[in-house]
Amino acid sequence: MTTLSSSGDVSAAKGSTASRPGPHRLPISAVIIARDAAARIGDVLGSLEMCDERLVLDSGSTDGTVTLARAAGARVEHQPFLGYGPQKQRAVELAAYDWILSLDADEVLDGEAQAALGRLNLSDPAACWVIHRRTFVGRHEVRHGAWRDERVLRLFNRTTAGFKAIAVHEEVQSQRSPRPLAGSILHYSFADCRDVLSRSLRYAPLKADILRATGEKTVAWMLPLRGLAAFAKSYVLRSGWRDGGIGFVIALGRVIDSTLPRALLLADEPRDDDA
């Protein structure tokens, strides 16, 4: 198998490596998109040592991410940021192997999941697996609310599955329903509650762009109802209150997620006095 470098050139050397996995290594390319991820990149790559290739697709880090990734034995490629879905799909395209394990630069595969990978039968290219993701805000693990029992599809064969070309909240589209993989992804994405809310605010324009592209329409009177429903689902129905103040903040984040992108759409519409 051959692969393309970030400049589009065929790398025969990498292709020959892909056909002969190293001893005790799995014929899997672990792919990670990153920018200024020095705080976690070493831990992430360390949890993926069973994969014969670890590929970091960097989009302009200035904090030592690239140096740390190379020191950990990863292959590093460069790509200006295309949006989360397209960026991850670009990493998939650059990989040496068809079997792909995709992690974010703040996600660490736990020991149980690492062991489970070694027991998999990878003979069926249509097979794919979801992994339980445990999210942390600071040192607190979120066990309830909107992120309770979250499962994400992260192990797949690129000949039968791939990332949707959407800018945010990207997901893998597969031909077959995924199987569960034992173990968990430890998701260290949020430093504190402020980070939870700032992330929702930052993603809102990207979500608005997606809604515009799909031609979705909204009305102003629906926004409070949407916000109330999102809060109630996370904080009450899914017991977010059991996570204390963090659960309340996460529920507020869901309110932002469900209303602000649509409010931005409404702001695009001409007002009567503009006619």
C-alpha atoms as a PDB file:
ATOM      1  CA  MET A   1       0.000   0.000   0.000  1.00  0.00           C
ATOM      2  CA  THR A   2       1.183   3.508  -0.733  1.00  0.00           C
ATOM      3  CA  THR A   3       0.264   6.786   0.854  1.00  0.00           C
ATOM      4  CA  LEU A   4       0.460  10.453   0.020  1.00  0.00           C
ATOM      5  CA  SER A   5       2.543  13.028   1.785  1.00  0.00           C
ATOM      6  CA  SER A   6       0.959  16.357   2.710  1.00  0.00           C
ATOM      7  CA  SER A   7       2.274  17.739  -0.564  1.00  0.00           C
ATOM      8  CA  GLY A   8       0.519  14.981  -2.526  1.00  0.00           C
ATOM      9  CA  ASP A   9       3.641  12.929  -3.458  1.00  0.00           C
ATOM     10  CA  VAL A  10       3.575   9.143  -3.278  1.00  0.00           C
ATOM     11  CA  SER A  11       5.818   7.762  -0.543  1.00  0.00           C
ATOM     12  CA  ALA A  12       6.914   4.278  -1.596  1.00  0.00           C
ATOM     13  CA  ALA A  13       8.984   3.818   1.519  1.00  0.00           C
ATOM     14  CA  LYS A  14       5.998   4.379   3.786  1.00  0.00           C
ATOM     15  CA  GLY A  15       3.934   2.068   1.617  1.00  0.00           C
ATOM     16  CA  SER A  16       6.453  -0.778   1.962  1.00  0.00           C
ATOM     17  CA  THR A  17       6.475  -0.285   5.731  1.00  0.00           C
ATOM     18  CA  ALA A  18       2.695  -0.547   5.788  1.00  0.00           C
ATOM     19  CA  SER A  19       2.777  -4.027   4.251  1.00  0.00           C
ATOM     20  CA  ARG A  20       5.083  -5.369   6.992  1.00  0.00           C
ATOM     21  CA  PRO A  21       3.982  -4.408  10.509  1.00  0.00           C
ATOM     22  CA  GLY A  22       6.712  -4.344  13.115  1.00  0.00           C
ATOM     23  CA  PRO A  23       6.937  -7.130  15.693  1.00  0.00           C
ATOM     24  CA  HIS A  24       3.982  -7.163  18.088  1.00  0.00           C
ATOM     25  CA  ARG A  25       2.459  -4.164  16.306  1.00  0.00           C
ATOM     26  CA  LEU A  26      -1.036  -4.009  14.833  1.00  0.00           C
ATOM     27  CA  PRO A  27      -1.583  -3.095  11.154  1.00  0.00           C
ATOM     28  CA  ILE A  28      -3.419   0.058  12.216  1.00  0.00           C
ATOM     29  CA  SER A  29      -2.688   3.728  11.592  1.00  0.00           C
ATOM     30  CA  ALA A  30      -3.492   5.819  14.656  1.00  0.00           C
ATOM     31  CA  VAL A  31      -4.282   9.307  13.345  1.00  0.00           C
ATOM     32  CA  ILE A  32      -4.456  12.511  15.392  1.00  0.00           C
ATOM     33  CA  ILE A  33      -5.122  16.062  14.270  1.00  0.00           C
ATOM     34  CA  ALA A  34      -3.361  18.616  16.429  1.00  0.00           C
ATOM     35  CA  ARG A  35      -2.564  22.235  16.992  1.00  0.00           C
ATOM     36  CA  ASP A  36      -0.764  23.454  20.120  1.00  0.00           C
ATOM     37  CA  ALA A  37      -1.381  20.135  21.866  1.00  0.00           C
ATOM     38  CA  ALA A  38       1.929  19.823  23.708  1.00  0.00           C
ATOM     39  CA  ALA A  39       0.204  19.351  27.076  1.00  0.00           C
ATOM     40  CA  ARG A  40      -1.260  15.963  26.103  1.00  0.00           C
ATOM     41  CA  ILE A  41       0.320  14.741  22.866  1.00  0.00           C
ATOM     42  CA  GLY A  42       2.910  12.588  24.646  1.00  0.00           C
ATOM     43  CA  ASP A  43       0.256  10.773  26.699  1.00  0.00           C
ATOM     44  CA  VAL A  44      -1.952  10.315  23.636  1.00  0.00           C
ATOM     45  CA  LEU A  45       0.834   8.806  21.545  1.00  0.00           C
ATOM     46  CA  GLY A  46       2.029   6.694  24.462  1.00  0.00           C
ATOM     47  CA  SER A  47      -1.381   5.018  24.615  1.00  0.00           C
ATOM     48  CA  LEU A  48      -1.121   4.068  20.918  1.00  0.00           C
ATOM     49  CA  GLU A  49       2.201   2.241  20.851  1.00  0.00           C
ATOM     50  CA  MET A  50       0.510  -0.995  19.743  1.00  0.00           C
ATOM     51  CA  CYS A  51      -0.321   0.636  16.378  1.00  0.00           C
ATOM     52  CA  ASP A  52       2.321   0.210  13.689  1.00  0.00           C
ATOM     53  CA  GLU A  53       1.866   3.807  12.562  1.00  0.00           C
ATOM     54  CA  ARG A  54       1.096   6.904  14.623  1.00  0.00           C
ATOM     55  CA  LEU A  55       0.389   9.909  12.410  1.00  0.00           C
ATOM     56  CA  VAL A  56       0.002  13.457  13.715  1.00  0.00           C
ATOM     57  CA  LEU A  57      -1.493  15.935  11.238  1.00  0.00           C
ATOM     58  CA  ASP A  58      -0.457  19.335  12.554  1.00  0.00           C
ATOM     59  CA  SER A  59      -2.146  22.602  11.553  1.00  0.00           C
ATOM     60  CA  GLY A  60       0.426  25.135  12.722  1.00  0.00           C
ATOM     61  CA  SER A  61       1.502  24.370  16.289  1.00  0.00           C
ATOM     62  CA  THR A  62       3.880  26.810  17.968  1.00  0.00           C
ATOM     63  CA  ASP A  63       4.147  25.155  21.385  1.00  0.00           C
ATOM     64  CA  GLY A  64       6.436  22.194  20.722  1.00  0.00           C
ATOM     65  CA  THR A  65       3.744  19.726  19.651  1.00  0.00           C
ATOM     66  CA  VAL A  66       5.662  18.707  16.529  1.00  0.00           C
ATOM     67  CA  THR A  67       8.939  18.183  18.389  1.00  0.00           C
ATOM     68  CA  LEU A  68       7.254  16.106  21.092  1.00  0.00           C
ATOM     69  CA  ALA A  69       5.349  14.020  18.547  1.00  0.00           C
ATOM     70  CA  ARG A  70       8.495  13.187  16.603  1.00  0.00           C
ATOM     71  CA  ALA A  71      10.374  12.409  19.800  1.00  0.00           C
ATOM     72  CA  ALA A  72       7.619   9.921  20.650  1.00  0.00           C
ATOM     73  CA  GLY A  73       8.167   8.192  17.306  1.00  0.00           C
ATOM     74  CA  ALA A  74       5.177   9.600  15.441  1.00  0.00           C
ATOM     75  CA  ARG A  75       5.143  10.595  11.803  1.00  0.00           C
ATOM     76  CA  VAL A  76       4.197  14.271  11.462  1.00  0.00           C
ATOM     77  CA  GLU A  77       2.516  15.858   8.440  1.00  0.00           C
ATOM     78  CA  HIS A  78       1.266  19.407   7.998  1.00  0.00           C
ATOM     79  CA  GLN A  79      -2.054  20.752   6.746  1.00  0.00           C
ATOM     80  CA  PRO A  80      -3.672  24.177   7.267  1.00  0.00           C
ATOM     81  CA  PHE A  81      -6.893  23.630   9.183  1.00  0.00           C
ATOM     82  CA  LEU A  82      -9.807  22.625   6.947  1.00  0.00           C
ATOM     83  CA  GLY A  83     -12.517  22.204   9.588  1.00  0.00           C
ATOM     84  CA  TYR A  84     -12.713  19.247  11.962  1.00  0.00           C
ATOM     85  CA  GLY A  85     -14.343  16.712   9.646  1.00  0.00           C
ATOM     86  CA  PRO A  86     -12.247  17.499   6.530  1.00  0.00           C
ATOM     87  CA  GLN A  87      -9.059  17.726   8.621  1.00  0.00           C
ATOM     88  CA  LYS A  88      -9.616  14.291  10.128  1.00  0.00           C
ATOM     89  CA  GLN A  89     -10.475  12.832   6.747  1.00  0.00           C
ATOM     90  CA  ARG A  90      -7.226  14.284   5.368  1.00  0.00           C
ATOM     91  CA  ALA A  91      -5.338  12.462   8.125  1.00  0.00           C
ATOM     92  CA  VAL A  92      -7.151   9.266   7.133  1.00  0.00           C
ATOM     93  CA  GLU A  93      -6.079   9.756   3.512  1.00  0.00           C
ATOM     94  CA  LEU A  94      -2.441  10.243   4.525  1.00  0.00           C
ATOM     95  CA  ALA A  95      -2.307   7.095   6.653  1.00  0.00           C
ATOM     96  CA  ALA A  96      -0.200   4.097   5.653  1.00  0.00           C
ATOM     97  CA  TYR A  97      -2.841   1.515   6.592  1.00  0.00           C
ATOM     98  CA  ASP A  98      -6.496   1.082   5.700  1.00  0.00           C
ATOM     99  CA  TRP A  99      -7.354   0.311   9.337  1.00  0.00           C
ATOM    100  CA  ILE A 100      -7.681   3.631  11.142  1.00  0.00           C
ATOM    101  CA  LEU A 101      -7.843   4.458  14.842  1.00  0.00           C
ATOM    102  CA  SER A 102      -8.719   8.145  15.215  1.00  0.00           C
ATOM    103  CA  LEU A 103      -8.151  10.034  18.465  1.00  0.00           C
ATOM    104  CA  ASP A 104      -8.202  13.726  19.304  1.00  0.00           C
ATOM    105  CA  ALA A 105      -5.084  15.348  20.713  1.00  0.00           C
ATOM    106  CA  ASP A 106      -6.686  15.421  24.177  1.00  0.00           C
ATOM    107  CA  GLU A 107      -7.835  11.779  24.224  1.00  0.00           C
ATOM    108  CA  VAL A 108      -5.925   8.884  25.804  1.00  0.00           C
ATOM    109  CA  LEU A 109      -6.766   5.221  25.222  1.00  0.00           C
ATOM    110  CA  ASP A 110      -6.942   3.383  28.547  1.00  0.00           C
ATOM    111  CA  GLY A 111      -5.206   0.076  29.247  1.00  0.00           C
ATOM    112  CA  GLU A 112      -8.324  -2.037  28.793  1.00  0.00           C
ATOM    113  CA  ALA A 113      -8.944  -0.592  25.338  1.00  0.00           C
ATOM    114  CA  GLN A 114      -5.291  -1.054  24.391  1.00  0.00           C
ATOM    115  CA  ALA A 115      -5.506  -4.733  25.320  1.00  0.00           C
ATOM    116  CA  ALA A 116      -8.812  -5.144  23.477  1.00  0.00           C
ATOM    117  CA  LEU A 117      -7.249  -3.881  20.249  1.00  0.00           C
ATOM    118  CA  GLY A 118      -4.795  -6.771  20.284  1.00  0.00           C
ATOM    119  CA  ARG A 119      -7.659  -9.300  20.375  1.00  0.00           C
ATOM    120  CA  LEU A 120      -9.548  -7.951  17.375  1.00  0.00           C
ATOM    121  CA  ASN A 121     -10.096  -9.827  14.139  1.00  0.00           C
ATOM    122  CA  LEU A 122      -9.378  -7.299  11.385  1.00  0.00           C
ATOM    123  CA  SER A 123     -10.170  -9.610   8.469  1.00  0.00           C
ATOM    124  CA  ASP A 124     -13.496  -7.911   7.618  1.00  0.00           C
ATOM    125  CA  PRO A 125     -13.009  -4.412   6.156  1.00  0.00           C
ATOM    126  CA  ALA A 126     -16.667  -3.522   6.799  1.00  0.00           C
ATOM    127  CA  ALA A 127     -16.250  -3.990  10.550  1.00  0.00           C
ATOM    128  CA  CYS A 128     -15.971  -0.941  12.818  1.00  0.00           C
ATOM    129  CA  TRP A 129     -15.981  -0.257  16.552  1.00  0.00           C
ATOM    130  CA  VAL A 130     -17.277   2.341  18.990  1.00  0.00           C
ATOM    131  CA  ILE A 131     -15.421   3.157  22.203  1.00  0.00           C
ATOM    132  CA  HIS A 132     -16.817   4.529  25.445  1.00  0.00           C
ATOM    133  CA  ARG A 133     -15.575   8.100  25.988  1.00  0.00           C
ATOM    134  CA  ARG A 134     -15.151   9.397  29.540  1.00  0.00           C
ATOM    135  CA  THR A 135     -14.930  13.181  29.590  1.00  0.00           C
ATOM    136  CA  PHE A 136     -13.192  15.206  32.305  1.00  0.00           C
ATOM    137  CA  VAL A 137     -13.573  18.855  33.309  1.00  0.00           C
ATOM    138  CA  GLY A 138     -10.343  19.541  35.103  1.00  0.00           C
ATOM    139  CA  ARG A 139      -9.909  16.499  37.357  1.00  0.00           C
ATOM    140  CA  HIS A 140     -13.638  15.802  37.618  1.00  0.00           C
ATOM    141  CA  GLU A 141     -15.029  12.977  35.494  1.00  0.00           C
ATOM    142  CA  VAL A 142     -18.448  13.836  34.074  1.00  0.00           C
ATOM    143  CA  ARG A 143     -20.650  10.813  34.810  1.00  0.00           C
ATOM    144  CA  HIS A 144     -24.111  12.230  34.079  1.00  0.00           C
ATOM    145  CA  GLY A 145     -25.895  14.759  31.894  1.00  0.00           C
ATOM    146  CA  ALA A 146     -25.429  15.248  28.170  1.00  0.00           C
ATOM    147  CA  TRP A 147     -22.120  13.375  28.052  1.00  0.00           C
ATOM    148  CA  ARG A 148     -23.263  10.326  30.016  1.00  0.00           C
ATOM    149  CA  ASP A 149     -22.383   6.967  28.462  1.00  0.00           C
ATOM    150  CA  GLU A 150     -20.994   8.583  25.300  1.00  0.00           C
ATOM    151  CA  ARG A 151     -19.886   6.170  22.548  1.00  0.00           C
ATOM    152  CA  VAL A 152     -17.833   7.318  19.579  1.00  0.00           C
ATOM    153  CA  LEU A 153     -16.930   5.441  16.396  1.00  0.00           C
ATOM    154  CA  ARG A 154     -13.139   5.643  16.152  1.00  0.00           C
ATOM    155  CA  LEU A 155     -11.848   2.347  14.704  1.00  0.00           C
ATOM    156  CA  PHE A 156     -12.726   1.597  11.089  1.00  0.00           C
ATOM    157  CA  ASN A 157     -11.398   0.626   7.682  1.00  0.00           C
ATOM    158  CA  ARG A 158     -11.107   3.601   5.333  1.00  0.00           C
ATOM    159  CA  THR A 159     -12.261   1.510   2.365  1.00  0.00           C
ATOM    160  CA  THR A 160     -15.730   1.260   3.906  1.00  0.00           C
ATOM    161  CA  ALA A 161     -15.988   4.263   6.257  1.00  0.00           C
ATOM    162  CA  GLY A 162     -14.776   7.828   6.698  1.00  0.00           C
ATOM    163  CA  PHE A 163     -15.423  11.186   8.315  1.00  0.00           C
ATOM    164  CA  LYS A 164     -18.289  13.327   7.111  1.00  0.00           C
ATOM    165  CA  ALA A 165     -17.145  16.642   5.641  1.00  0.00           C
ATOM    166  CA  ILE A 166     -18.674  18.824   8.356  1.00  0.00           C
ATOM    167  CA  ALA A 167     -16.847  21.624  10.155  1.00  0.00           C
ATOM    168  CA  VAL A 168     -17.618  20.680  13.773  1.00  0.00           C
ATOM    169  CA  HIS A 169     -18.930  17.727  15.790  1.00  0.00           C
ATOM    170  CA  GLU A 170     -17.548  15.484  13.077  1.00  0.00           C
ATOM    171  CA  GLU A 171     -18.532  11.830  12.920  1.00  0.00           C
ATOM    172  CA  VAL A 172     -17.616   8.701  10.990  1.00  0.00           C
ATOM    173  CA  GLN A 173     -20.062   7.386   8.424  1.00  0.00           C
ATOM    174  CA  SER A 174     -19.876   3.596   8.058  1.00  0.00           C
ATOM    175  CA  GLN A 175     -21.564   0.913   5.972  1.00  0.00           C
ATOM    176  CA  ARG A 176     -22.318  -1.282   8.968  1.00  0.00           C
ATOM    177  CA  SER A 177     -23.427  -0.736  12.551  1.00  0.00           C
ATOM    178  CA  PRO A 178     -20.403  -0.610  14.856  1.00  0.00           C
ATOM    179  CA  ARG A 179     -19.494  -3.101  17.563  1.00  0.00           C
ATOM    180  CA  PRO A 180     -18.430  -2.023  21.068  1.00  0.00           C
ATOM    181  CA  LEU A 181     -14.742  -2.175  21.984  1.00  0.00           C
ATOM    182  CA  ALA A 182     -13.873  -2.896  25.604  1.00  0.00           C
ATOM    183  CA  GLY A 183     -12.240  -0.082  27.552  1.00  0.00           C
ATOM    184  CA  SER A 184     -12.493   3.671  27.256  1.00  0.00           C
ATOM    185  CA  ILE A 185     -11.133   6.854  25.757  1.00  0.00           C
ATOM    186  CA  LEU A 186     -10.169   9.294  28.515  1.00  0.00           C
ATOM    187  CA  HIS A 187     -11.159  12.723  27.195  1.00  0.00           C
ATOM    188  CA  TYR A 188      -9.228  15.576  28.858  1.00  0.00           C
ATOM    189  CA  SER A 189     -10.766  18.345  26.812  1.00  0.00           C
ATOM    190  CA  PHE A 190     -11.824  21.009  29.329  1.00  0.00           C
ATOM    191  CA  ALA A 191      -9.590  22.766  31.833  1.00  0.00           C
ATOM    192  CA  ASP A 192     -12.521  24.171  33.825  1.00  0.00           C
ATOM    193  CA  CYS A 193     -16.161  25.248  33.601  1.00  0.00           C
ATOM    194  CA  ARG A 194     -15.247  28.456  31.792  1.00  0.00           C
ATOM    195  CA  ASP A 195     -13.652  26.332  29.084  1.00  0.00           C
ATOM    196  CA  VAL A 196     -16.906  24.382  28.641  1.00  0.00           C
ATOM    197  CA  LEU A 197     -18.876  27.547  27.902  1.00  0.00           C
ATOM    198  CA  SER A 198     -16.181  29.199  25.769  1.00  0.00           C
ATOM    199  CA  ARG A 199     -16.027  26.075  23.609  1.00  0.00           C
ATOM    200  CA  SER A 200     -19.780  26.234  22.988  1.00  0.00           C
ATOM    201  CA  LEU A 201     -19.497  29.899  22.049  1.00  0.00           C
ATOM    202  CA  ARG A 202     -16.577  29.225  19.719  1.00  0.00           C
ATOM    203  CA  TYR A 203     -18.358  26.393  17.926  1.00  0.00           C
ATOM    204  CA  ALA A 204     -21.616  28.308  17.407  1.00  0.00           C
ATOM    205  CA  PRO A 205     -20.570  30.111  14.165  1.00  0.00           C
ATOM    206  CA  LEU A 206     -19.348  26.798  12.715  1.00  0.00           C
ATOM    207  CA  LYS A 207     -22.674  25.158  13.518  1.00  0.00           C
ATOM    208  CA  ALA A 208     -24.494  28.118  12.005  1.00  0.00           C
ATOM    209  CA  ASP A 209     -22.548  27.589   8.773  1.00  0.00           C
ATOM    210  CA  ILE A 210     -23.684  23.955   8.713  1.00  0.00           C
ATOM    211  CA  LEU A 211     -27.306  25.004   9.190  1.00  0.00           C
ATOM    212  CA  ARG A 212     -26.979  27.568   6.399  1.00  0.00           C
ATOM    213  CA  ALA A 213     -25.552  24.940   4.062  1.00  0.00           C
ATOM    214  CA  THR A 214     -28.488  22.620   4.725  1.00  0.00           C
ATOM    215  CA  GLY A 215     -30.993  25.433   4.234  1.00  0.00           C
ATOM    216  CA  GLU A 216     -32.462  25.079   7.708  1.00  0.00           C
ATOM    217  CA  LYS A 217     -34.941  27.739   8.774  1.00  0.00           C
ATOM    218  CA  THR A 218     -35.831  28.820  12.297  1.00  0.00           C
ATOM    219  CA  VAL A 219     -38.138  31.248  14.061  1.00  0.00           C
ATOM    220  CA  ALA A 220     -37.302  33.427  17.052  1.00  0.00           C
ATOM    221  CA  TRP A 221     -40.129  32.222  19.297  1.00  0.00           C
ATOM    222  CA  MET A 222     -38.763  28.656  19.140  1.00  0.00           C
ATOM    223  CA  LEU A 223     -35.370  29.557  20.612  1.00  0.00           C
ATOM    224  CA  PRO A 224     -36.457  29.772  24.293  1.00  0.00           C
ATOM    225  CA  LEU A 225     -38.272  26.448  23.932  1.00  0.00           C
ATOM    226  CA  ARG A 226     -35.209  24.848  22.389  1.00  0.00           C
ATOM    227  CA  GLY A 227     -33.001  26.173  25.141  1.00  0.00           C
ATOM    228  CA  LEU A 228     -35.348  25.018  27.896  1.00  0.00           C
ATOM    229  CA  ALA A 229     -35.642  21.545  26.375  1.00  0.00           C
ATOM    230  CA  ALA A 230     -31.849  21.222  26.017  1.00  0.00           C
ATOM    231  CA  PHE A 231     -31.279  22.290  29.633  1.00  0.00           C
ATOM    232  CA  ALA A 232     -33.972  19.979  31.007  1.00  0.00           C
ATOM    233  CA  LYS A 233     -32.694  16.990  29.046  1.00  0.00           C
ATOM    234  CA  SER A 234     -29.105  17.390  30.257  1.00  0.00           C
ATOM    235  CA  TYR A 235     -29.659  18.608  33.822  1.00  0.00           C
ATOM    236  CA  VAL A 236     -32.886  16.801  34.787  1.00  0.00           C
ATOM    237  CA  LEU A 237     -33.689  13.860  32.515  1.00  0.00           C
ATOM    238  CA  ARG A 238     -30.053  12.719  32.256  1.00  0.00           C
ATOM    239  CA  SER A 239     -29.308  13.610  35.897  1.00  0.00           C
ATOM    240  CA  GLY A 240     -26.695  16.267  35.189  1.00  0.00           C
ATOM    241  CA  TRP A 241     -27.459  17.724  38.623  1.00  0.00           C
ATOM    242  CA  ARG A 242     -25.545  14.802  40.125  1.00  0.00           C
ATOM    243  CA  ASP A 243     -22.308  16.309  38.765  1.00  0.00           C
ATOM    244  CA  GLY A 244     -22.912  19.444  40.851  1.00  0.00           C
ATOM    245  CA  GLY A 245     -21.907  22.810  39.451  1.00  0.00           C
ATOM    246  CA  ILE A 246     -20.150  21.194  36.502  1.00  0.00           C
ATOM    247  CA  GLY A 247     -23.392  19.484  35.505  1.00  0.00           C
ATOM    248  CA  PHE A 248     -25.189  22.845  35.607  1.00  0.00           C
ATOM    249  CA  VAL A 249     -22.528  24.465  33.401  1.00  0.00           C
ATOM    250  CA  ILE A 250     -22.680  21.593  30.907  1.00  0.00           C
ATOM    251  CA  ALA A 251     -26.454  22.038  30.713  1.00  0.00           C
ATOM    252  CA  LEU A 252     -25.931  25.759  30.033  1.00  0.00           C
ATOM    253  CA  GLY A 253     -23.508  24.760  27.290  1.00  0.00           C
ATOM    254  CA  ARG A 254     -26.257  22.658  25.737  1.00  0.00           C
ATOM    255  CA  VAL A 255     -28.534  25.710  25.790  1.00  0.00           C
ATOM    256  CA  ILE A 256     -25.889  27.654  23.845  1.00  0.00           C
ATOM    257  CA  ASP A 257     -25.421  24.765  21.417  1.00  0.00           C
ATOM    258  CA  SER A 258     -29.127  24.514  20.681  1.00  0.00           C
ATOM    259  CA  THR A 259     -29.938  28.223  20.377  1.00  0.00           C
ATOM    260  CA  LEU A 260     -26.965  30.428  19.442  1.00  0.00           C
ATOM    261  CA  PRO A 261     -26.288  28.925  15.980  1.00  0.00           C
ATOM    262  CA  ARG A 262     -29.947  29.456  15.076  1.00  0.00           C
ATOM    263  CA  ALA A 263     -29.891  32.960  16.523  1.00  0.00           C
ATOM    264  CA  LEU A 264     -26.989  33.700  14.182  1.00  0.00           C
ATOM    265  CA  LEU A 265     -29.142  32.484  11.294  1.00  0.00           C
ATOM    266  CA  LEU A 266     -31.910  34.855  12.340  1.00  0.00           C
ATOM    267  CA  ALA A 267     -29.393  37.699  12.401  1.00  0.00           C
ATOM    268  CA  ASP A 268     -28.739  37.037   8.685  1.00  0.00           C
ATOM    269  CA  GLU A 269     -32.376  37.636   7.750  1.00  0.00           C
ATOM    270  CA  PRO A 270     -33.310  41.153   6.540  1.00  0.00           C
ATOM    271  CA  ARG A 271     -35.486  43.162   8.891  1.00  0.00           C
ATOM    272  CA  ASP A 272     -38.674  44.906   7.736  1.00  0.00           C
ATOM    273  CA  ASP A 273     -37.058  48.330   8.151  1.00  0.00           C
ATOM    274  CA  ASP A 274     -34.209  47.206   5.861  1.00  0.00           C
ATOM    275  CA  ALA A 275     -36.587  46.542   2.981  1.00  0.00           C
END
